[in-house]
C-alpha atoms as a PDB file:
ATOM      1  CA  UNK A   1      -2.638  -3.647 -26.748  1.00  0.00           C
ATOM      2  CA  UNK A   2      -2.284  -7.447 -26.885  1.00  0.00           C
ATOM      3  CA  UNK A   3       1.385  -8.466 -26.736  1.00  0.00           C
ATOM      4  CA  UNK A   4       0.433 -12.172 -26.636  1.00  0.00           C
ATOM      5  CA  UNK A   5      -2.733 -13.674 -28.117  1.00  0.00           C
ATOM      6  CA  UNK A   6      -3.489 -17.382 -27.586  1.00  0.00           C
ATOM      7  CA  UNK A   7      -6.644 -18.524 -29.398  1.00  0.00           C
ATOM      8  CA  UNK A   8      -8.184 -22.008 -28.953  1.00  0.00           C
ATOM      9  CA  UNK A   9      -4.733 -23.578 -28.841  1.00  0.00           C
ATOM     10  CA  UNK A  10      -4.326 -27.344 -28.795  1.00  0.00           C
ATOM     11  CA  UNK A  11      -1.146 -29.391 -28.757  1.00  0.00           C
ATOM     12  CA  UNK A  12      -0.316 -33.121 -28.584  1.00  0.00           C
ATOM     13  CA  UNK A  13       2.828 -35.140 -28.003  1.00  0.00           C
ATOM     14  CA  UNK A  14       2.849 -38.297 -30.165  1.00  0.00           C
ATOM     15  CA  UNK A  15      -0.907 -37.957 -30.763  1.00  0.00           C
ATOM     16  CA  UNK A  16      -1.598 -37.656 -27.010  1.00  0.00           C
ATOM     17  CA  UNK A  17      -3.226 -34.259 -26.262  1.00  0.00           C
ATOM     18  CA  UNK A  18      -1.576 -32.161 -23.541  1.00  0.00           C
ATOM     19  CA  UNK A  19      -3.191 -28.777 -24.216  1.00  0.00           C
ATOM     20  CA  UNK A  20      -6.772 -28.240 -25.296  1.00  0.00           C
ATOM     21  CA  UNK A  21      -8.792 -25.102 -26.150  1.00  0.00           C
ATOM     22  CA  UNK A  22      -6.459 -22.591 -24.468  1.00  0.00           C
ATOM     23  CA  UNK A  23      -7.363 -18.927 -25.021  1.00  0.00           C
ATOM     24  CA  UNK A  24      -6.047 -15.816 -23.274  1.00  0.00           C
ATOM     25  CA  UNK A  25      -4.179 -12.570 -23.881  1.00  0.00           C
ATOM     26  CA  UNK A  26      -1.297 -10.743 -22.231  1.00  0.00           C
ATOM     27  CA  UNK A  27      -1.428  -6.976 -22.674  1.00  0.00           C
ATOM     28  CA  UNK A  28       1.074  -4.170 -22.386  1.00  0.00           C
ATOM     29  CA  UNK A  29       1.517  -3.236 -18.727  1.00  0.00           C
ATOM     30  CA  UNK A  30       0.027  -6.540 -17.518  1.00  0.00           C
ATOM     31  CA  UNK A  31       1.556  -9.112 -15.150  1.00  0.00           C
ATOM     32  CA  UNK A  32       0.059 -12.554 -15.877  1.00  0.00           C
ATOM     33  CA  UNK A  33       0.948 -15.748 -14.019  1.00  0.00           C
ATOM     34  CA  UNK A  34       0.553 -19.266 -15.429  1.00  0.00           C
ATOM     35  CA  UNK A  35      -0.089 -21.969 -12.818  1.00  0.00           C
ATOM     36  CA  UNK A  36      -1.022 -25.654 -12.640  1.00  0.00           C
ATOM     37  CA  UNK A  37       0.111 -28.901 -11.062  1.00  0.00           C
ATOM     38  CA  UNK A  38       3.390 -30.555 -12.034  1.00  0.00           C
ATOM     39  CA  UNK A  39       3.172 -31.902 -15.568  1.00  0.00           C
ATOM     40  CA  UNK A  40       0.397 -29.510 -16.572  1.00  0.00           C
ATOM     41  CA  UNK A  41       2.228 -28.642 -19.800  1.00  0.00           C
ATOM     42  CA  UNK A  42       2.974 -25.077 -18.685  1.00  0.00           C
ATOM     43  CA  UNK A  43       6.422 -25.088 -20.289  1.00  0.00           C
ATOM     44  CA  UNK A  44       4.946 -26.704 -23.411  1.00  0.00           C
ATOM     45  CA  UNK A  45       2.482 -23.816 -23.619  1.00  0.00           C
ATOM     46  CA  UNK A  46       5.319 -21.274 -23.330  1.00  0.00           C
ATOM     47  CA  UNK A  47       7.222 -23.060 -26.101  1.00  0.00           C
ATOM     48  CA  UNK A  48       4.150 -22.859 -28.350  1.00  0.00           C
ATOM     49  CA  UNK A  49       3.877 -19.137 -27.638  1.00  0.00           C
ATOM     50  CA  UNK A  50       7.575 -18.591 -28.400  1.00  0.00           C
ATOM     51  CA  UNK A  51       7.286 -20.467 -31.703  1.00  0.00           C
ATOM     52  CA  UNK A  52       9.547 -23.305 -30.545  1.00  0.00           C
ATOM     53  CA  UNK A  53       6.627 -25.702 -31.045  1.00  0.00           C
ATOM     54  CA  UNK A  54       3.739 -25.547 -33.519  1.00  0.00           C
ATOM     55  CA  UNK A  55       0.159 -25.869 -32.193  1.00  0.00           C
ATOM     56  CA  UNK A  56      -1.979 -28.668 -33.597  1.00  0.00           C
ATOM     57  CA  UNK A  57      -5.060 -26.456 -33.331  1.00  0.00           C
ATOM     58  CA  UNK A  58      -5.574 -22.749 -32.866  1.00  0.00           C
ATOM     59  CA  UNK A  59      -2.766 -20.254 -32.606  1.00  0.00           C
ATOM     60  CA  UNK A  60      -0.331 -18.444 -30.330  1.00  0.00           C
ATOM     61  CA  UNK A  61       0.925 -15.081 -31.572  1.00  0.00           C
ATOM     62  CA  UNK A  62       3.349 -12.538 -30.169  1.00  0.00           C
ATOM     63  CA  UNK A  63       2.853  -9.056 -31.584  1.00  0.00           C
ATOM     64  CA  UNK A  64       5.553  -7.893 -34.008  1.00  0.00           C
ATOM     65  CA  UNK A  65       5.407  -4.356 -32.595  1.00  0.00           C
ATOM     66  CA  UNK A  66       5.334  -2.850 -29.124  1.00  0.00           C
ATOM     67  CA  UNK A  67       2.975  -0.085 -28.028  1.00  0.00           C
ATOM     68  CA  UNK A  68       5.316   2.541 -29.506  1.00  0.00           C
ATOM     69  CA  UNK A  69       5.163   0.859 -32.915  1.00  0.00           C
ATOM     70  CA  UNK A  70       8.746  -0.405 -32.671  1.00  0.00           C
ATOM     71  CA  UNK A  71      10.002  -3.975 -33.070  1.00  0.00           C
ATOM     72  CA  UNK A  72       8.932  -6.129 -30.120  1.00  0.00           C
ATOM     73  CA  UNK A  73      11.826  -7.100 -27.840  1.00  0.00           C
ATOM     74  CA  UNK A  74      11.333 -10.353 -25.891  1.00  0.00           C
ATOM     75  CA  UNK A  75      13.171 -11.505 -22.787  1.00  0.00           C
ATOM     76  CA  UNK A  76      12.852 -15.251 -22.167  1.00  0.00           C
ATOM     77  CA  UNK A  77      14.044 -16.977 -18.975  1.00  0.00           C
ATOM     78  CA  UNK A  78      13.859 -20.800 -19.294  1.00  0.00           C
ATOM     79  CA  UNK A  79      14.044 -23.277 -16.422  1.00  0.00           C
ATOM     80  CA  UNK A  80      17.610 -24.333 -17.289  1.00  0.00           C
ATOM     81  CA  UNK A  81      19.548 -21.203 -16.296  1.00  0.00           C
ATOM     82  CA  UNK A  82      21.204 -23.033 -13.404  1.00  0.00           C
ATOM     83  CA  UNK A  83      22.911 -25.528 -15.715  1.00  0.00           C
ATOM     84  CA  UNK A  84      26.203 -23.575 -15.999  1.00  0.00           C
ATOM     85  CA  UNK A  85      29.026 -25.916 -15.027  1.00  0.00           C
ATOM     86  CA  UNK A  86      32.011 -25.044 -12.849  1.00  0.00           C
ATOM     87  CA  UNK A  87      34.158 -24.378 -15.918  1.00  0.00           C
ATOM     88  CA  UNK A  88      31.892 -21.730 -17.453  1.00  0.00           C
ATOM     89  CA  UNK A  89      34.481 -19.003 -18.250  1.00  0.00           C
ATOM     90  CA  UNK A  90      32.425 -15.792 -18.114  1.00  0.00           C
ATOM     91  CA  UNK A  91      32.219 -13.521 -15.094  1.00  0.00           C
ATOM     92  CA  UNK A  92      28.849 -12.375 -13.840  1.00  0.00           C
ATOM     93  CA  UNK A  93      29.461  -8.871 -15.210  1.00  0.00           C
ATOM     94  CA  UNK A  94      30.599 -10.079 -18.639  1.00  0.00           C
ATOM     95  CA  UNK A  95      27.610 -12.363 -18.988  1.00  0.00           C
ATOM     96  CA  UNK A  96      25.056  -9.694 -18.070  1.00  0.00           C
ATOM     97  CA  UNK A  97      26.851  -7.094 -20.220  1.00  0.00           C
ATOM     98  CA  UNK A  98      26.457  -9.376 -23.243  1.00  0.00           C
ATOM     99  CA  UNK A  99      22.717  -8.750 -22.974  1.00  0.00           C
ATOM    100  CA  UNK A 100      23.280  -5.195 -24.185  1.00  0.00           C
ATOM    101  CA  UNK A 101      24.441  -6.442 -27.590  1.00  0.00           C
ATOM    102  CA  UNK A 102      21.034  -6.383 -29.222  1.00  0.00           C
ATOM    103  CA  UNK A 103      20.434  -7.459 -32.798  1.00  0.00           C
ATOM    104  CA  UNK A 104      22.509  -5.396 -35.286  1.00  0.00           C
ATOM    105  CA  UNK A 105      24.727  -4.090 -32.432  1.00  0.00           C
ATOM    106  CA  UNK A 106      27.409  -6.765 -32.230  1.00  0.00           C
ATOM    107  CA  UNK A 107      30.153  -4.471 -33.550  1.00  0.00           C
ATOM    108  CA  UNK A 108      29.084  -1.258 -31.792  1.00  0.00           C
ATOM    109  CA  UNK A 109      30.810   0.022 -28.682  1.00  0.00           C
ATOM    110  CA  UNK A 110      28.740   0.108 -25.507  1.00  0.00           C
ATOM    111  CA  UNK A 111      28.089   3.561 -24.084  1.00  0.00           C
ATOM    112  CA  UNK A 112      27.469   4.917 -20.565  1.00  0.00           C
ATOM    113  CA  UNK A 113      23.758   4.134 -20.790  1.00  0.00           C
ATOM    114  CA  UNK A 114      24.533   0.500 -21.607  1.00  0.00           C
ATOM    115  CA  UNK A 115      26.783   0.164 -18.571  1.00  0.00           C
ATOM    116  CA  UNK A 116      24.161   1.823 -16.393  1.00  0.00           C
ATOM    117  CA  UNK A 117      21.612  -0.783 -17.579  1.00  0.00           C
ATOM    118  CA  UNK A 118      24.030  -3.560 -16.617  1.00  0.00           C
ATOM    119  CA  UNK A 119      24.639  -2.117 -13.148  1.00  0.00           C
ATOM    120  CA  UNK A 120      20.937  -1.535 -12.562  1.00  0.00           C
ATOM    121  CA  UNK A 121      20.098  -5.090 -13.682  1.00  0.00           C
ATOM    122  CA  UNK A 122      22.633  -6.640 -11.316  1.00  0.00           C
ATOM    123  CA  UNK A 123      21.515  -4.444  -8.435  1.00  0.00           C
ATOM    124  CA  UNK A 124      17.903  -5.421  -9.099  1.00  0.00           C
ATOM    125  CA  UNK A 125      18.660  -9.076  -8.330  1.00  0.00           C
ATOM    126  CA  UNK A 126      21.201  -8.400  -5.569  1.00  0.00           C
ATOM    127  CA  UNK A 127      24.231  -9.593  -7.564  1.00  0.00           C
ATOM    128  CA  UNK A 128      26.294  -6.408  -8.050  1.00  0.00           C
ATOM    129  CA  UNK A 129      28.766  -7.361  -5.305  1.00  0.00           C
ATOM    130  CA  UNK A 130      29.384 -10.700  -7.051  1.00  0.00           C
ATOM    131  CA  UNK A 131      29.938  -9.133 -10.494  1.00  0.00           C
ATOM    132  CA  UNK A 132      33.575 -10.305 -10.758  1.00  0.00           C
ATOM    133  CA  UNK A 133      32.810 -13.914  -9.794  1.00  0.00           C
ATOM    134  CA  UNK A 134      32.794 -16.666 -12.422  1.00  0.00           C
ATOM    135  CA  UNK A 135      29.273 -17.853 -13.172  1.00  0.00           C
ATOM    136  CA  UNK A 136      30.239 -21.513 -12.787  1.00  0.00           C
ATOM    137  CA  UNK A 137      31.260 -20.856  -9.183  1.00  0.00           C
ATOM    138  CA  UNK A 138      27.859 -19.532  -8.117  1.00  0.00           C
ATOM    139  CA  UNK A 139      25.064 -21.349  -6.319  1.00  0.00           C
ATOM    140  CA  UNK A 140      21.969 -22.422  -8.234  1.00  0.00           C
ATOM    141  CA  UNK A 141      19.912 -19.510  -6.915  1.00  0.00           C
ATOM    142  CA  UNK A 142      22.659 -17.025  -7.786  1.00  0.00           C
ATOM    143  CA  UNK A 143      22.926 -18.375 -11.337  1.00  0.00           C
ATOM    144  CA  UNK A 144      19.198 -17.977 -11.732  1.00  0.00           C
ATOM    145  CA  UNK A 145      19.394 -14.359 -10.611  1.00  0.00           C
ATOM    146  CA  UNK A 146      22.297 -13.620 -12.963  1.00  0.00           C
ATOM    147  CA  UNK A 147      20.343 -15.064 -15.888  1.00  0.00           C
ATOM    148  CA  UNK A 148      17.401 -12.868 -14.963  1.00  0.00           C
ATOM    149  CA  UNK A 149      19.702  -9.833 -14.694  1.00  0.00           C
ATOM    150  CA  UNK A 150      20.913 -10.456 -18.244  1.00  0.00           C
ATOM    151  CA  UNK A 151      17.314 -10.422 -19.460  1.00  0.00           C
ATOM    152  CA  UNK A 152      16.658  -7.164 -17.585  1.00  0.00           C
ATOM    153  CA  UNK A 153      19.794  -5.662 -19.144  1.00  0.00           C
ATOM    154  CA  UNK A 154      18.281  -6.165 -22.604  1.00  0.00           C
ATOM    155  CA  UNK A 155      15.320  -3.979 -21.510  1.00  0.00           C
ATOM    156  CA  UNK A 156      12.674  -6.098 -23.327  1.00  0.00           C
ATOM    157  CA  UNK A 157       9.048  -5.103 -23.897  1.00  0.00           C
ATOM    158  CA  UNK A 158       7.790  -8.594 -23.036  1.00  0.00           C
ATOM    159  CA  UNK A 159       9.110 -10.947 -20.349  1.00  0.00           C
ATOM    160  CA  UNK A 160       8.369 -14.683 -20.647  1.00  0.00           C
ATOM    161  CA  UNK A 161       9.589 -16.361 -17.465  1.00  0.00           C
ATOM    162  CA  UNK A 162       9.526 -20.085 -16.678  1.00  0.00           C
ATOM    163  CA  UNK A 163       9.841 -20.607 -12.900  1.00  0.00           C
ATOM    164  CA  UNK A 164      12.353 -17.728 -12.590  1.00  0.00           C
ATOM    165  CA  UNK A 165      12.515 -17.767  -8.768  1.00  0.00           C
ATOM    166  CA  UNK A 166      13.775 -21.353  -8.484  1.00  0.00           C
ATOM    167  CA  UNK A 167      16.514 -21.364  -5.851  1.00  0.00           C
ATOM    168  CA  UNK A 168      15.610 -17.963  -4.406  1.00  0.00           C
ATOM    169  CA  UNK A 169      14.675 -17.560  -0.744  1.00  0.00           C
ATOM    170  CA  UNK A 170      11.383 -15.968   0.335  1.00  0.00           C
ATOM    171  CA  UNK A 171      12.779 -12.454   0.721  1.00  0.00           C
ATOM    172  CA  UNK A 172      14.532 -12.574  -2.659  1.00  0.00           C
ATOM    173  CA  UNK A 173      11.325 -13.763  -4.319  1.00  0.00           C
ATOM    174  CA  UNK A 174       9.313 -10.937  -2.759  1.00  0.00           C
ATOM    175  CA  UNK A 175      11.840  -8.350  -3.964  1.00  0.00           C
ATOM    176  CA  UNK A 176      11.791  -9.882  -7.438  1.00  0.00           C
ATOM    177  CA  UNK A 177       7.995  -9.836  -7.634  1.00  0.00           C
ATOM    178  CA  UNK A 178       8.001  -6.196  -6.578  1.00  0.00           C
ATOM    179  CA  UNK A 179      10.497  -5.478  -9.374  1.00  0.00           C
ATOM    180  CA  UNK A 180       8.239  -7.184 -11.924  1.00  0.00           C
ATOM    181  CA  UNK A 181       5.222  -5.238 -10.733  1.00  0.00           C
ATOM    182  CA  UNK A 182       7.207  -1.990 -10.965  1.00  0.00           C
ATOM    183  CA  UNK A 183       8.167  -2.809 -14.560  1.00  0.00           C
ATOM    184  CA  UNK A 184       4.546  -3.311 -15.571  1.00  0.00           C
ATOM    185  CA  UNK A 185       3.130  -0.329 -13.686  1.00  0.00           C
ATOM    186  CA  UNK A 186       5.819   2.258 -14.409  1.00  0.00           C
ATOM    187  CA  UNK A 187       7.474   1.065 -17.623  1.00  0.00           C
ATOM    188  CA  UNK A 188       4.583  -0.608 -19.456  1.00  0.00           C
ATOM    189  CA  UNK A 189       6.303  -4.000 -19.722  1.00  0.00           C
ATOM    190  CA  UNK A 190       4.232  -7.165 -20.207  1.00  0.00           C
ATOM    191  CA  UNK A 191       4.994 -10.313 -18.203  1.00  0.00           C
ATOM    192  CA  UNK A 192       3.905 -13.946 -18.560  1.00  0.00           C
ATOM    193  CA  UNK A 193       5.387 -16.054 -15.762  1.00  0.00           C
ATOM    194  CA  UNK A 194       5.082 -19.746 -14.915  1.00  0.00           C
ATOM    195  CA  UNK A 195       5.067 -20.206 -11.145  1.00  0.00           C
ATOM    196  CA  UNK A 196       4.004 -22.470  -8.281  1.00  0.00           C
ATOM    197  CA  UNK A 197       4.270 -19.530  -5.881  1.00  0.00           C
ATOM    198  CA  UNK A 198       0.828 -18.039  -6.471  1.00  0.00           C
ATOM    199  CA  UNK A 199       0.114 -17.575  -2.740  1.00  0.00           C
ATOM    200  CA  UNK A 200       3.093 -15.277  -2.230  1.00  0.00           C
ATOM    201  CA  UNK A 201       2.282 -13.484  -5.493  1.00  0.00           C
ATOM    202  CA  UNK A 202      -1.110 -12.213  -4.309  1.00  0.00           C
ATOM    203  CA  UNK A 203      -1.216  -8.459  -4.825  1.00  0.00           C
ATOM    204  CA  UNK A 204       1.514  -8.421  -7.483  1.00  0.00           C
ATOM    205  CA  UNK A 205      -0.094  -9.947 -10.568  1.00  0.00           C
ATOM    206  CA  UNK A 206      -3.063  -8.834 -12.683  1.00  0.00           C
ATOM    207  CA  UNK A 207      -4.341 -12.110 -14.101  1.00  0.00           C
ATOM    208  CA  UNK A 208      -3.938 -15.832 -13.458  1.00  0.00           C
ATOM    209  CA  UNK A 209      -4.115 -18.580 -16.081  1.00  0.00           C
ATOM    210  CA  UNK A 210      -4.586 -21.979 -14.405  1.00  0.00           C
ATOM    211  CA  UNK A 211      -4.142 -25.257 -16.300  1.00  0.00           C
ATOM    212  CA  UNK A 212      -6.001 -28.304 -14.974  1.00  0.00           C
ATOM    213  CA  UNK A 213      -6.239 -31.973 -15.951  1.00  0.00           C
ATOM    214  CA  UNK A 214      -9.418 -33.137 -17.645  1.00  0.00           C
ATOM    215  CA  UNK A 215     -11.129 -35.658 -15.402  1.00  0.00           C
ATOM    216  CA  UNK A 216     -12.200 -37.892 -18.298  1.00  0.00           C
ATOM    217  CA  UNK A 217      -8.708 -38.163 -19.764  1.00  0.00           C
ATOM    218  CA  UNK A 218      -6.665 -41.354 -19.222  1.00  0.00           C
ATOM    219  CA  UNK A 219      -3.526 -39.317 -19.864  1.00  0.00           C
ATOM    220  CA  UNK A 220      -2.335 -35.960 -18.500  1.00  0.00           C
ATOM    221  CA  UNK A 221      -4.477 -33.790 -20.744  1.00  0.00           C
ATOM    222  CA  UNK A 222      -4.925 -30.211 -19.601  1.00  0.00           C
ATOM    223  CA  UNK A 223      -7.081 -27.238 -20.404  1.00  0.00           C
ATOM    224  CA  UNK A 224      -7.533 -23.732 -19.035  1.00  0.00           C
ATOM    225  CA  UNK A 225     -10.134 -23.697 -16.251  1.00  0.00           C
ATOM    226  CA  UNK A 226     -10.195 -20.034 -15.292  1.00  0.00           C
ATOM    227  CA  UNK A 227      -8.701 -16.633 -15.902  1.00  0.00           C
ATOM    228  CA  UNK A 228      -9.005 -14.567 -12.738  1.00  0.00           C
ATOM    229  CA  UNK A 229      -8.473 -10.813 -12.914  1.00  0.00           C
ATOM    230  CA  UNK A 230      -6.703  -8.966 -10.086  1.00  0.00           C
ATOM    231  CA  UNK A 231      -6.439  -5.228  -9.616  1.00  0.00           C
END
């Protein structure tokens, strides 16, 4: 089942094209990485997919329903998770716990399963021991991991991740990639992740979307050059 369908998408900033003829899908249980040089409009493509920008040509659609026929739940990790300042009042635990308040649940009491999701999410990124720390006191890499933990706590069907491992060391990245692979293989989640770390990701992902600059363009105009399948 296609969770994301991008069909002949084109997008321009101030009449200057930055995406041209982009087509691909992301399916349930599939781990897809999105790569390209700096400035290749990878984040712009994600924003088109999320509906934060409107394509000039073609379309980008996220399915309304998951494979079980229920409302699609999306977990989005932007690049700006590390922007919490030193005065941010929430603790790590409080911030991740807030991810359990899904739509229409703001006034419902959390149960044991909710708290188990929070603990599991923090353990998954190695931040359980820091759960009582204030977010603003953490390092950039720790903030990134806490933001990711909050997304995991929501238990989404589809993860859209924009450079989520920024600030993580090599071992932390490897553990995180293994976690993503586990979520696709064993829980049927779908993942679309922007990354520059495609060498370390070999063996984890299923498909790679690579954006490249058109040689005949005077500006930074990009299109999809290949879509390589991996088992």
